Protein backbone atom coordinates (compact mmCIF):
# COMPACT_ATOMS: atom_id res chain seq x y z
CA MET A 1 0.00 0.00 0.00
CA ILE A 2 2.76 2.45 0.92
CA ALA A 3 4.69 1.71 -2.26
CA LYS A 4 1.60 2.15 -4.42
CA PHE A 5 0.76 5.42 -2.68
CA PHE A 6 4.22 6.90 -3.26
CA HIS A 7 4.20 5.72 -6.87
CA MET A 8 0.83 7.36 -7.53
CA PHE A 9 1.90 10.54 -5.74
CA LEU A 10 5.16 10.89 -7.66
CA PHE A 11 3.83 9.93 -11.09
CA GLU A 12 0.09 10.55 -11.12
CA SER A 13 -0.45 13.88 -9.38
CA PRO A 14 -1.96 16.17 -12.04
CA LEU A 15 -2.20 19.13 -9.67
CA LEU A 16 1.51 19.10 -8.85
CA GLU A 17 4.24 20.49 -11.07
CA SER A 18 7.38 18.46 -11.61
CA TYR A 19 9.49 20.84 -9.50
CA GLU A 20 7.02 20.47 -6.63
CA VAL A 21 7.44 16.71 -6.74
CA ASP A 22 11.21 17.24 -6.78
CA ASN A 23 10.96 19.42 -3.68
CA PHE A 24 8.93 16.73 -1.93
CA ILE A 25 11.60 14.17 -2.77
CA LEU A 26 14.37 16.45 -1.48
CA ARG A 27 12.58 17.08 1.80
CA ASN A 28 11.74 13.42 2.34
CA GLY A 29 14.75 11.84 0.68
CA ASP A 30 15.77 9.49 3.48
CA MET A 31 12.28 8.04 3.83
CA LEU A 32 11.69 7.65 0.08
CA HIS A 33 15.08 6.08 -0.62
CA THR A 34 14.66 3.70 2.30
CA CYS A 35 11.25 2.71 0.96
CA ALA A 36 12.63 2.16 -2.55
CA TRP A 37 15.53 0.11 -1.15
CA GLU A 38 13.25 -2.08 0.96
CA LEU A 39 11.02 -2.80 -2.03
CA TYR A 40 13.86 -4.79 -3.55
CA GLU A 41 13.40 -7.32 -0.77
CA VAL A 42 9.74 -7.85 -1.69
CA ARG A 43 9.04 -10.65 -4.15
CA ARG A 44 5.60 -9.75 -5.48
CA ASP A 45 4.74 -9.06 -9.11
CA GLU A 46 2.73 -5.93 -8.41
CA ILE A 47 5.66 -4.46 -6.46
CA SER A 48 8.24 -5.47 -9.05
CA SER A 49 6.35 -3.46 -11.65
CA ILE A 50 6.57 -0.18 -9.73
CA ARG A 51 9.76 -0.37 -7.67
CA THR A 52 12.03 0.41 -10.61
CA SER A 53 10.28 3.61 -11.66
CA LEU A 54 10.00 4.69 -8.02
CA LEU A 55 13.72 4.15 -7.44
CA LEU A 56 14.75 6.06 -10.56
CA ARG A 57 12.38 8.94 -9.82
CA VAL A 58 13.98 9.61 -6.45
CA LEU A 59 17.50 9.02 -7.76
CA VAL A 60 17.26 11.68 -10.48
CA VAL A 61 16.57 14.23 -7.75
CA ASP A 62 19.12 13.15 -5.16
CA MET A 63 21.49 10.16 -5.19
CA GLN A 64 23.08 10.68 -1.79
CA PRO A 65 20.46 9.06 0.48
CA LEU A 66 20.53 5.76 -1.40
CA ASN A 67 24.33 5.81 -1.54
CA ALA A 68 24.42 6.27 2.23
CA ILE A 69 22.04 3.35 2.73
CA ILE A 70 24.01 1.02 0.46
CA GLU A 71 27.35 2.03 1.97
CA THR A 72 26.00 1.31 5.45
CA TRP A 73 24.86 -2.15 4.42
CA LEU A 74 28.11 -2.95 2.61
CA ALA A 75 30.17 -1.73 5.58
CA SER A 76 28.43 -4.13 7.95
CA PRO A 77 30.83 -6.50 9.76
CA GLN A 78 28.29 -9.27 9.20
CA TRP A 79 28.92 -10.71 5.75
CA GLU A 80 25.37 -12.09 5.60
CA ARG A 81 24.03 -8.54 5.66
CA ARG A 82 26.45 -7.53 2.92
CA LEU A 83 25.26 -10.51 0.90
CA GLN A 84 21.69 -9.35 1.36
CA ALA A 85 22.70 -5.96 -0.04
CA ILE A 86 24.33 -7.67 -3.03
CA VAL A 87 21.12 -9.59 -3.71
CA ARG A 88 19.11 -6.36 -3.71
CA LEU A 89 21.63 -4.64 -5.96
CA SER A 90 21.49 -7.60 -8.33
CA ARG A 91 17.73 -7.15 -8.59
CA VAL A 92 18.23 -3.51 -9.52
CA ILE A 93 20.63 -4.60 -12.25
CA MET A 94 18.19 -7.21 -13.51
CA ASP A 95 15.63 -4.43 -13.93
CA VAL A 96 17.82 -2.38 -16.30
CA THR A 97 16.17 -4.02 -19.31
CA SER A 98 12.68 -3.31 -18.02
CA GLN A 99 10.52 -0.75 -19.82
CA SER A 100 9.98 0.97 -16.48
CA PHE A 101 13.74 1.57 -16.12
CA HIS A 102 13.28 5.06 -17.52
CA VAL A 103 12.33 8.55 -16.37
CA GLU A 104 10.69 10.64 -19.04
CA ASP A 105 12.26 14.02 -19.83
CA ARG A 106 15.11 13.47 -17.36
CA GLN A 107 18.79 12.63 -17.71
CA TRP A 108 18.38 9.61 -15.48
CA ARG A 109 21.21 7.34 -16.60
CA PRO A 110 24.04 9.09 -14.67
CA ALA A 111 21.90 8.83 -11.54
CA VAL A 112 22.15 5.03 -11.39
CA ILE A 113 25.87 4.49 -12.01
CA ASP A 114 26.69 4.39 -8.29
CA VAL A 115 24.41 1.37 -7.93
CA PHE A 116 26.45 -0.49 -10.54
CA GLU A 117 29.72 0.57 -8.93
CA HIS A 118 28.62 -0.61 -5.48
CA PHE A 119 27.74 -4.01 -6.93
CA PHE A 120 30.68 -4.74 -9.22
CA THR A 121 33.30 -3.36 -6.83
CA ARG A 122 32.53 -6.19 -4.43
CA MET A 123 34.14 -8.58 -6.93
CA TRP A 124 37.54 -7.52 -5.63
CA ALA A 125 36.91 -5.23 -2.66
CA ASP A 126 34.96 -7.47 -0.29
CA PRO A 127 37.10 -9.48 2.14
CA GLN A 128 34.58 -12.33 2.25
CA GLU A 129 35.02 -14.94 -0.45
CA GLU A 130 31.32 -15.79 -0.41
CA ILE A 131 30.48 -12.23 -1.41
CA ARG A 132 33.01 -12.15 -4.22
CA VAL A 133 31.79 -15.49 -5.55
CA ALA A 134 28.16 -14.36 -5.34
CA VAL A 135 28.86 -11.23 -7.40
CA ASP A 136 30.83 -13.22 -9.94
CA ALA A 137 28.12 -15.88 -10.18
CA PHE A 138 25.37 -13.36 -10.67
CA SER A 139 27.39 -11.42 -13.24
CA SER A 140 27.76 -14.60 -15.29
CA THR A 141 23.97 -14.72 -15.70
CA LEU A 142 23.70 -11.25 -17.24
CA LEU A 143 22.56 -11.08 -20.85
CA PRO A 144 24.03 -8.85 -23.59
CA ALA A 145 21.02 -6.56 -23.15
CA HIS A 146 21.98 -5.96 -19.52
CA PHE A 147 25.58 -5.14 -20.41
CA GLU A 148 24.44 -2.77 -23.14
CA ALA A 149 21.98 -0.96 -20.87
CA ILE A 150 24.63 -0.50 -18.18
CA SER A 151 27.16 0.74 -20.75
CA LEU A 152 24.67 3.36 -21.94
CA CYS A 153 24.48 4.71 -18.41
CA TRP A 154 28.26 4.91 -18.11
CA SER A 155 28.64 6.49 -21.55
CA GLU A 156 26.15 9.21 -20.68
CA ALA A 157 27.78 9.82 -17.31
CA ILE A 158 31.18 10.24 -19.00
CA SER A 159 29.59 12.98 -21.08
CA LYS A 160 27.56 14.84 -18.47
CA ALA A 161 28.89 14.19 -14.98
CA PRO A 162 31.20 16.67 -13.18
CA ILE A 163 34.90 16.18 -13.87
CA GLY A 164 35.62 14.65 -10.48
CA GLU A 165 32.89 12.06 -10.91
CA ARG A 166 34.14 11.22 -14.39
CA VAL A 167 37.64 10.60 -13.04
CA LYS A 168 36.21 8.31 -10.38
CA LEU A 169 34.07 6.46 -12.92
CA VAL A 170 36.90 5.83 -15.37
CA ALA A 171 39.18 4.63 -12.55
CA PHE A 172 36.48 2.15 -11.57
CA LEU A 173 36.04 0.98 -15.18
CA ILE A 174 39.79 0.41 -15.51
CA GLN A 175 39.60 -1.92 -12.50
CA LEU A 176 36.45 -3.61 -13.79
CA HIS A 177 37.69 -4.31 -17.31
CA PRO A 178 39.93 -7.33 -16.51
CA HIS A 179 36.89 -9.08 -15.06
CA PHE A 180 34.90 -8.51 -18.27
CA PRO A 181 37.48 -8.20 -21.06
CA GLN A 182 34.93 -8.55 -23.87
CA TRP A 183 32.56 -5.93 -22.49
CA LYS A 184 32.65 -2.56 -24.23
CA LEU A 185 32.24 -0.67 -20.99
CA ILE A 186 31.60 2.69 -22.66
CA SER A 187 31.04 3.52 -26.29
CA TRP A 188 33.90 4.66 -28.51
CA GLN A 189 31.81 7.71 -29.37
CA ALA A 190 31.71 8.73 -25.70
CA ILE A 191 35.46 8.19 -25.39
CA VAL A 192 36.26 10.26 -28.47
CA GLU A 193 33.90 13.05 -27.42
CA ARG A 194 35.68 13.33 -24.10
CA LEU A 195 39.09 13.41 -25.75
CA LEU A 196 37.80 16.15 -28.04
CA GLU A 197 36.10 18.08 -25.27
CA ASP A 198 38.46 21.03 -25.51
CA GLU A 199 38.97 20.82 -29.24
CA TYR A 200 37.04 22.19 -32.18
CA ASP A 201 36.99 21.51 -35.90
CA GLN A 202 38.90 24.29 -37.68
CA SER A 203 37.59 23.29 -41.09
CA HIS A 204 34.01 23.98 -40.03
CA ASN A 205 34.85 27.01 -37.88
CA GLU A 206 33.03 25.36 -34.99
CA GLU A 207 34.08 25.68 -31.39
CA GLY A 208 33.40 23.09 -28.76
CA PRO A 209 31.67 23.73 -25.42
CA ALA A 210 34.87 24.62 -23.60
CA ALA A 211 35.93 27.19 -26.20
CA ALA A 212 32.46 28.70 -26.31
CA HIS A 213 32.45 29.03 -22.54
CA LEU A 214 35.86 30.72 -22.54
CA SER A 215 34.83 33.12 -25.29
CA MET A 216 32.19 34.54 -22.94
CA TYR A 217 35.07 35.89 -20.85
CA GLY A 218 37.16 37.04 -23.79
CA LEU A 219 39.65 34.18 -23.45
CA SER A 220 41.24 32.33 -26.32
CA ARG A 221 41.57 28.60 -26.87
CA GLU A 222 45.35 28.91 -26.46
CA PHE A 223 44.75 30.34 -23.00
CA SER A 224 42.45 27.39 -22.34
CA GLU A 225 45.12 24.82 -23.16
CA ASN A 226 47.76 26.57 -21.06
CA SER A 227 45.37 26.88 -18.12
CA ILE A 228 44.37 23.23 -18.26
CA THR A 229 48.00 22.15 -18.27
CA ALA A 230 48.87 24.40 -15.35
CA GLU A 231 45.74 24.44 -13.23
CA ASP A 232 43.46 21.52 -14.04
CA PRO A 233 45.12 18.23 -13.05
CA GLU A 234 41.73 16.49 -12.92
CA ILE A 235 41.19 17.13 -16.62
CA ILE A 236 44.66 15.77 -17.40
CA GLN A 237 44.00 12.76 -15.19
CA LEU A 238 40.66 12.17 -16.91
CA ARG A 239 42.23 12.24 -20.36
CA LEU A 240 45.03 9.88 -19.32
CA SER A 241 42.59 7.51 -17.65
CA ILE A 242 40.34 7.42 -20.71
CA LEU A 243 43.36 6.60 -22.88
CA VAL A 244 44.33 3.77 -20.52
CA LEU A 245 40.80 2.37 -20.66
CA SER A 246 40.82 2.69 -24.46
CA ILE A 247 44.08 0.75 -24.72
CA GLN A 248 42.69 -1.94 -22.43
CA MET A 249 39.60 -2.40 -24.58
CA LEU A 250 41.62 -2.38 -27.81
CA ALA A 251 44.01 -4.99 -26.40
CA SER A 252 41.01 -7.19 -25.62
CA GLY A 253 39.94 -7.10 -29.24
CA ILE A 254 36.86 -4.95 -28.86
CA SER A 255 35.89 -3.68 -32.31
CA ILE A 256 36.32 -0.01 -33.15
CA ASP A 257 35.68 2.13 -36.20
CA SER A 258 38.70 3.52 -38.04
CA LYS A 259 37.95 7.18 -37.32
CA SER A 260 37.75 6.62 -33.55
CA LEU A 261 40.94 4.56 -33.65
CA LEU A 262 42.83 7.34 -35.44
CA ARG A 263 41.67 9.91 -32.93
CA ILE A 264 42.77 7.74 -30.02
CA LYS A 265 46.18 7.22 -31.66
CA TYR A 266 46.50 10.97 -32.17
CA TYR A 267 45.92 11.79 -28.50
CA LEU A 268 48.06 8.89 -27.36
CA ALA A 269 50.96 10.22 -29.44
CA GLN A 270 50.60 13.62 -27.78
CA VAL A 271 50.54 12.11 -24.31
CA ILE A 272 53.65 9.96 -24.74
CA GLY A 273 55.80 12.88 -25.86
CA PHE A 274 54.94 13.99 -29.38
CA PRO A 275 53.04 17.25 -28.76
CA ASN A 276 53.64 18.54 -32.29
CA VAL A 277 51.83 15.66 -33.96
CA THR A 278 48.98 16.94 -36.09
CA PHE A 279 46.22 15.12 -37.87
CA SER A 280 43.44 16.30 -40.13
CA PHE A 281 40.13 14.80 -39.11
CA VAL A 282 38.05 14.88 -42.25
CA GLU A 283 34.31 14.50 -41.80
CA ASN A 284 32.64 12.21 -44.31
């Protein structure tokens, strides 16, 4: 009854604007996230059909309450409780292919990446062998559709998350890759876009987002590059980490289109000590 009430209130309240629902979620975040988390212990069809949309709706507003809940469970000295958390997280992952795993008109994918990280990290971070084996066993049951849906979330997060969160995400993916060497963790398009984030195509006289932002303050792109080198170590770390992840996936034989491969080679050459290397990227 409680779950159905919250679902109707959050999704079927014609007299409430979306921002008013968001405010309600912010003010009652702990309660709503706890409710959504507990629903993943309930094994009833009518609950399974609404718990996913309820979880995503509260996550797109605020991710911190659920993260705090999961971290508390995974920090428990009792491995049985940690295993229970893994089971619940596995049910969230199983729902990624559901039609209800979606929030209309919201950038919801970056909001769920912490759930995936909490789950997969236990493959190597949990001291209890039973937990590590459980995560590995469940992961072996995932279908290509699950892997693809998760990758879409990571690819979007790489594009839209704050720099610090991107660095954290790529570091996690570098650790995850050896466990799933044939999994294209993020799309090549997302990788290339991040490597090109501060670049623009001279032939089309188009400037990227970073250059456009700097132009508002009367700064040039040359100033941008110098500032990044001197003052933005996180951006440098992000670029290096993305290149490392790219090399890992290429070494595993993951297919890539020729244009993306050339761009990755170009940035790799710059990183390893050939800053004067130039390449003309011709659009087809």
